[in-house]
Amino acid sequence: MPGDRPPTPRLRIYFLPNLLTGGNLFCGFVALTKIVEADVNAPNFNVVIRNALFFILLACIFDMLDGRVARWGGRESPFGREFDSLADLISFGAAPAFLVHRIVLKDVFVQHQEIGWFIASIYLICGALRLARFNCLATLAKGGGGKEFVGFPIPAAAGLVASLTLFLMWWEDRDFPTGNWRYSLPILLLLLSIMMVSEVKYPSFKALDLRTRQPFAKLIVAILFIGSLLVLREKILPVVLPLIFTIYLIYGFVRPRISGRIRQQIEEQEEEEDEDPTDDFAG
C-alpha cells in the first residue's frame, strides 16, 4: 500500500560458522592470557609459551574452518565477516605481537620498553589495516572477496610467527647449536607487517573443496600426511609448520611468474564446477 515503509533488512546470523569463529576468538584470548601471565623466571615458562603457541595455531584451524563451512552451506553473511575480522584481530594480531614482545623485545629494550611496544604495535596496526581493507574489498565485490587475497593474510602471518617460535624452542630443547636466532622474530614481525599491507596477491584457496579430480589418490596422500603428523608430531611438526607458512609467503612473490596452467593446478581453481558431480565417483 502507498506510504508503507520498506521492510527492514534481517540480520542473518548462522550458528555453526559463527560458533567456529567464537572458537577462534576464545583461543586467541587464552593465548593472550598465557603470554601475559608467563613468568620468564619460572621453571615452566617454556611450557606456558608452548601452550600459548598451541592456542594460536588452533585459532588458525578454527579460522580456516568457519569460512569454509559458511561457503559449503551457503551461509555467508556480513555479520559473519565482521565477527571473523574482530576475532582475527585478537588471535592473529594482538596475540603474536604480545608473544614477540614477551620473549624477545622486552629483554632487548630493557631501558626503553616503549620501543619494544612500538615495534609490536606496528604489526597489530598493519594487521588491523589488512582486515579493514579485506572487508572493504569484499563489500565492493558484494561477496567473499574472490579467489585472491591482496596482501599476506593475517592468519598466515600469525601462523608463521607461532610456528617459527615453536621451531626455535624445539631446536633449543634438543641441545642443537644455538645462537641469537630468537632475535629474528622482531625482524620477521616487521616483514610480515609490510607484507600484510602490500599489494602482493595470494591465493585464498576458496575454490579448493572436496570435489576434486582424482579424489582417491588425494585421499591417500591426505591420510598419510595427517597420520605422520599425529605419530611423529613432536619430531616433525615444529619443522613442517614453519616450512608450510614460509612457502606460502614466498609463493606470493613467485606466483606472477608461474604459467596459468601450473598455477591453476596448484591453487585448485577448478573448471569442473559445471561438470556432472557424479564424475568424482567414476571408477
Protein backbone atom coordinates (compact mmCIF):
# COMPACT_ATOMS: atom_id res chain seq x y z
CA MET A 1 0.00 0.00 0.00
CA PRO A 2 1.15 3.60 -0.60
CA GLY A 3 3.07 5.01 2.30
CA ASP A 4 4.13 1.64 3.64
CA ARG A 5 7.71 1.55 4.82
CA PRO A 6 10.11 -0.82 3.06
CA PRO A 7 10.75 -3.99 5.07
CA THR A 8 13.68 -3.78 7.46
CA PRO A 9 16.58 -5.98 6.31
CA ARG A 10 17.02 -9.03 8.51
CA LEU A 11 20.34 -9.62 10.18
CA ARG A 12 21.38 -13.15 9.31
CA ILE A 13 23.44 -14.91 11.99
CA TYR A 14 24.27 -18.52 11.21
CA PHE A 15 25.05 -20.78 14.15
CA LEU A 16 27.83 -23.18 13.08
CA PRO A 17 30.15 -20.77 11.18
CA ASN A 18 29.91 -18.19 13.96
CA LEU A 19 30.43 -20.88 16.60
CA LEU A 20 33.73 -21.74 14.90
CA THR A 21 34.62 -18.05 14.79
CA GLY A 22 33.87 -17.90 18.51
CA GLY A 23 36.30 -20.78 18.97
CA ASN A 24 38.90 -18.74 17.11
CA LEU A 25 38.31 -15.77 19.42
CA PHE A 26 38.39 -17.94 22.54
CA CYS A 27 41.73 -19.47 21.52
CA GLY A 28 43.15 -16.00 20.89
CA PHE A 29 42.03 -14.82 24.32
CA VAL A 30 43.54 -17.86 26.06
CA ALA A 31 46.81 -17.40 24.15
CA LEU A 32 46.95 -13.74 25.21
CA THR A 33 46.25 -14.67 28.83
CA LYS A 34 49.02 -17.26 28.92
CA ILE A 35 51.53 -14.91 27.28
CA VAL A 36 50.79 -12.13 29.77
CA GLU A 37 50.94 -14.49 32.75
CA ALA A 38 54.16 -16.23 31.66
CA ASP A 39 57.00 -15.57 34.10
CA VAL A 40 60.42 -15.77 32.45
CA ASN A 41 61.98 -16.72 35.80
CA ALA A 42 59.56 -19.58 36.43
CA PRO A 43 60.69 -23.12 35.54
CA ASN A 44 57.52 -23.70 33.48
CA PHE A 45 58.00 -20.61 31.28
CA ASN A 46 58.59 -22.64 28.10
CA VAL A 47 55.59 -24.84 28.84
CA VAL A 48 53.30 -21.83 29.21
CA ILE A 49 54.60 -20.27 25.98
CA ARG A 50 54.14 -23.57 24.14
CA ASN A 51 50.55 -23.69 25.31
CA ALA A 52 50.03 -20.16 24.00
CA LEU A 53 51.52 -21.18 20.64
CA PHE A 54 49.19 -24.16 20.54
CA PHE A 55 46.15 -21.93 21.01
CA ILE A 56 47.31 -19.53 18.28
CA LEU A 57 47.72 -22.42 15.85
CA LEU A 58 44.37 -23.88 16.96
CA ALA A 59 42.79 -20.49 16.23
CA CYS A 60 44.21 -20.79 12.69
CA ILE A 61 42.34 -24.08 12.29
CA PHE A 62 39.08 -22.56 13.52
CA ASP A 63 39.57 -19.62 11.14
CA MET A 64 40.17 -21.95 8.23
CA LEU A 65 37.02 -23.91 9.02
CA ASP A 66 34.49 -21.15 9.73
CA GLY A 67 34.59 -19.56 6.28
CA ARG A 68 34.67 -22.91 4.51
CA VAL A 69 31.69 -24.20 6.49
CA ALA A 70 29.81 -21.00 5.68
CA ARG A 71 30.54 -21.37 1.96
CA TRP A 72 29.66 -25.06 1.87
CA GLY A 73 26.32 -24.39 3.50
CA GLY A 74 25.62 -21.15 1.64
CA ARG A 75 25.68 -19.31 4.98
CA GLU A 76 28.00 -16.39 4.26
CA SER A 77 26.81 -13.12 5.77
CA PRO A 78 28.06 -9.60 6.55
CA PHE A 79 27.76 -10.36 10.27
CA GLY A 80 29.98 -13.42 9.95
CA ARG A 81 32.60 -11.47 8.00
CA GLU A 82 32.74 -8.71 10.61
CA PHE A 83 32.78 -11.15 13.53
CA ASP A 84 35.57 -13.10 11.85
CA SER A 85 37.68 -9.95 11.44
CA LEU A 86 37.21 -8.98 15.10
CA ALA A 87 38.28 -12.46 16.19
CA ASP A 88 41.26 -12.39 13.81
CA LEU A 89 42.48 -9.09 15.24
CA ILE A 90 42.73 -10.68 18.70
CA SER A 91 44.02 -14.13 17.75
CA PHE A 92 46.32 -13.18 14.89
CA GLY A 93 47.05 -9.52 15.60
CA ALA A 94 47.32 -8.93 19.34
CA ALA A 95 48.47 -12.42 20.40
CA PRO A 96 51.56 -12.65 18.10
CA ALA A 97 52.50 -9.05 18.90
CA PHE A 98 52.36 -9.80 22.65
CA LEU A 99 54.25 -13.05 22.06
CA VAL A 100 57.25 -11.47 20.34
CA HIS A 101 57.34 -8.64 22.84
CA ARG A 102 57.25 -11.06 25.78
CA ILE A 103 60.01 -13.42 24.65
CA VAL A 104 62.31 -11.01 22.76
CA LEU A 105 61.55 -7.29 22.74
CA LYS A 106 61.08 -6.96 26.48
CA ASP A 107 64.63 -8.22 27.04
CA VAL A 108 66.19 -6.23 24.21
CA PHE A 109 64.76 -2.85 25.22
CA VAL A 110 65.07 -3.12 28.98
CA GLN A 111 65.81 0.57 29.41
CA HIS A 112 63.36 1.73 26.75
CA GLN A 113 60.30 -0.53 26.95
CA GLU A 114 58.29 1.88 24.80
CA ILE A 115 60.44 0.99 21.77
CA GLY A 116 59.58 -2.68 22.16
CA TRP A 117 55.87 -1.94 22.47
CA PHE A 118 56.08 0.35 19.42
CA ILE A 119 57.64 -2.38 17.27
CA ALA A 120 54.99 -4.85 18.38
CA SER A 121 52.22 -2.31 17.76
CA ILE A 122 53.31 -1.89 14.13
CA TYR A 123 52.34 -5.49 13.48
CA LEU A 124 48.99 -5.05 15.23
CA ILE A 125 48.14 -1.84 13.35
CA CYS A 126 49.12 -3.30 9.97
CA GLY A 127 47.03 -6.37 10.75
CA ALA A 128 44.02 -4.17 11.54
CA LEU A 129 44.53 -2.25 8.28
CA ARG A 130 44.79 -5.54 6.40
CA LEU A 131 41.48 -6.76 7.84
CA ALA A 132 39.74 -3.44 7.19
CA ARG A 133 40.90 -3.44 3.57
CA PHE A 134 39.74 -7.01 3.12
CA ASN A 135 36.25 -6.17 4.41
CA CYS A 136 36.02 -3.12 2.17
CA LEU A 137 37.08 -5.10 -0.91
CA ALA A 138 34.63 -7.87 -0.01
CA THR A 139 31.82 -5.31 0.33
CA LEU A 140 32.67 -3.73 -3.01
CA ALA A 141 32.75 -7.16 -4.61
CA LYS A 142 29.39 -7.98 -2.95
CA GLY A 143 30.74 -11.30 -1.75
CA GLY A 144 33.63 -13.00 -0.07
CA GLY A 145 36.43 -11.14 -1.80
CA GLY A 146 37.11 -13.52 -4.70
CA LYS A 147 39.84 -16.12 -5.09
CA GLU A 148 42.74 -13.84 -4.18
CA PHE A 149 43.91 -12.01 -1.09
CA VAL A 150 45.56 -8.61 -1.51
CA GLY A 151 48.41 -8.67 0.97
CA PHE A 152 49.59 -11.53 3.15
CA PRO A 153 46.64 -12.93 5.18
CA ILE A 154 46.90 -12.18 8.90
CA PRO A 155 46.11 -15.80 9.99
CA ALA A 156 49.06 -17.00 7.90
CA ALA A 157 51.25 -14.26 9.39
CA ALA A 158 50.33 -15.35 12.93
CA GLY A 159 50.83 -18.98 11.99
CA LEU A 160 54.32 -18.22 10.69
CA VAL A 161 55.29 -16.32 13.86
CA ALA A 162 53.88 -19.03 16.17
CA SER A 163 55.30 -21.99 14.24
CA LEU A 164 58.75 -20.41 13.91
CA THR A 165 58.78 -19.71 17.66
CA LEU A 166 57.80 -23.33 18.25
CA PHE A 167 60.64 -24.44 15.98
CA LEU A 168 63.21 -22.32 17.84
CA MET A 169 62.08 -23.76 21.18
CA TRP A 170 62.19 -27.28 19.74
CA TRP A 171 65.72 -26.62 18.45
CA GLU A 172 66.95 -25.43 21.85
CA ASP A 173 65.36 -28.37 23.69
CA ARG A 174 67.42 -30.82 21.63
CA ASP A 175 70.71 -29.13 22.54
CA PHE A 176 71.47 -28.25 18.94
CA PRO A 177 73.97 -25.43 18.39
CA THR A 178 72.11 -22.28 19.37
CA GLY A 179 72.70 -18.63 18.77
CA ASN A 180 70.66 -15.47 18.83
CA TRP A 181 68.05 -16.77 16.40
CA ARG A 182 65.17 -15.56 18.55
CA TYR A 183 66.14 -12.01 17.63
CA SER A 184 64.98 -12.80 14.10
CA LEU A 185 61.38 -12.78 15.35
CA PRO A 186 61.07 -8.95 15.58
CA ILE A 187 62.55 -8.70 12.07
CA LEU A 188 60.01 -11.25 10.86
CA LEU A 189 57.27 -9.31 12.63
CA LEU A 190 58.17 -6.12 10.73
CA LEU A 191 58.47 -8.01 7.43
CA LEU A 192 55.03 -9.52 7.89
CA SER A 193 53.65 -6.09 8.79
CA ILE A 194 54.82 -4.79 5.42
CA MET A 195 53.53 -7.85 3.59
CA MET A 196 50.06 -7.60 5.13
CA VAL A 197 49.52 -4.08 3.76
CA SER A 198 51.33 -4.78 0.48
CA GLU A 199 49.75 -5.27 -2.92
CA VAL A 200 51.18 -8.78 -3.31
CA LYS A 201 48.37 -11.20 -4.15
CA TYR A 202 47.95 -14.60 -2.54
CA PRO A 203 45.50 -17.37 -3.44
CA SER A 204 42.65 -17.75 -1.00
CA PHE A 205 42.12 -21.42 -1.92
CA LYS A 206 38.37 -20.78 -1.70
CA ALA A 207 37.96 -22.87 -4.85
CA LEU A 208 39.54 -25.81 -3.08
CA ASP A 209 36.89 -28.29 -1.99
CA LEU A 210 36.42 -32.00 -1.57
CA ARG A 211 35.03 -32.47 -5.09
CA THR A 212 38.35 -32.63 -6.91
CA ARG A 213 39.75 -34.76 -9.68
CA GLN A 214 41.44 -37.98 -8.55
CA PRO A 215 39.84 -37.88 -5.07
CA PHE A 216 41.11 -41.39 -4.19
CA ALA A 217 44.77 -40.51 -4.71
CA LYS A 218 44.40 -37.25 -2.83
CA LEU A 219 42.60 -39.06 0.00
CA ILE A 220 45.53 -41.45 0.39
CA VAL A 221 48.03 -38.60 0.42
CA ALA A 222 45.97 -36.68 2.98
CA ILE A 223 45.63 -39.73 5.26
CA LEU A 224 49.36 -40.45 5.12
CA PHE A 225 50.21 -36.81 5.78
CA ILE A 226 47.83 -36.43 8.74
CA GLY A 227 48.89 -39.82 10.13
CA SER A 228 52.58 -38.92 10.00
CA LEU A 229 51.88 -35.63 11.77
CA LEU A 230 49.98 -37.41 14.54
CA VAL A 231 52.56 -40.16 15.04
CA LEU A 232 55.67 -38.01 14.67
CA ARG A 233 54.20 -34.69 15.81
CA GLU A 234 56.93 -33.96 18.34
CA LYS A 235 59.66 -34.63 15.78
CA ILE A 236 58.37 -33.18 12.53
CA LEU A 237 55.52 -30.81 13.40
CA PRO A 238 57.82 -27.99 14.62
CA VAL A 239 59.67 -28.28 11.28
CA VAL A 240 56.75 -28.84 8.90
CA LEU A 241 54.54 -25.98 10.10
CA PRO A 242 57.01 -23.08 9.64
CA LEU A 243 58.02 -24.60 6.30
CA ILE A 244 54.41 -24.58 5.07
CA PHE A 245 53.80 -20.96 6.11
CA THR A 246 57.16 -19.86 4.66
CA ILE A 247 56.40 -21.50 1.31
CA TYR A 248 53.05 -19.69 1.23
CA LEU A 249 54.77 -16.37 2.00
CA ILE A 250 57.31 -16.88 -0.82
CA TYR A 251 54.65 -18.14 -3.22
CA GLY A 252 53.12 -14.68 -3.43
CA PHE A 253 56.35 -13.38 -4.99
CA VAL A 254 56.88 -16.22 -7.49
CA ARG A 255 53.18 -16.62 -8.35
CA PRO A 256 53.11 -13.97 -11.14
CA ARG A 257 56.00 -15.78 -12.85
CA ILE A 258 54.24 -19.16 -12.95
CA SER A 259 52.24 -20.18 -16.00
CA GLY A 260 48.48 -20.03 -15.70
CA ARG A 261 48.06 -23.79 -16.14
CA ILE A 262 50.52 -24.69 -13.36
CA ARG A 263 49.04 -22.01 -11.11
CA GLN A 264 45.57 -23.45 -11.68
CA GLN A 265 46.77 -26.91 -10.66
CA ILE A 266 48.46 -25.60 -7.52
CA GLU A 267 45.53 -23.47 -6.41
CA GLU A 268 42.83 -25.97 -7.40
CA GLN A 269 40.92 -23.31 -9.31
CA GLU A 270 38.68 -25.90 -10.80
CA GLU A 271 36.90 -25.55 -14.09
CA GLU A 272 34.79 -28.58 -13.31
CA GLU A 273 32.11 -26.74 -11.36
CA ASP A 274 29.77 -27.01 -14.35
CA GLU A 275 30.53 -30.69 -14.80
CA ASP A 276 28.43 -33.56 -13.55
CA PRO A 277 29.29 -34.02 -9.86
CA THR A 278 28.90 -37.79 -10.20
CA ASP A 279 32.11 -37.79 -12.28
CA ASP A 280 34.00 -37.64 -8.98
CA PHE A 281 32.88 -41.20 -8.23
CA ALA A 282 33.65 -42.63 -11.66
CA GLY A 283 35.88 -45.74 -11.48
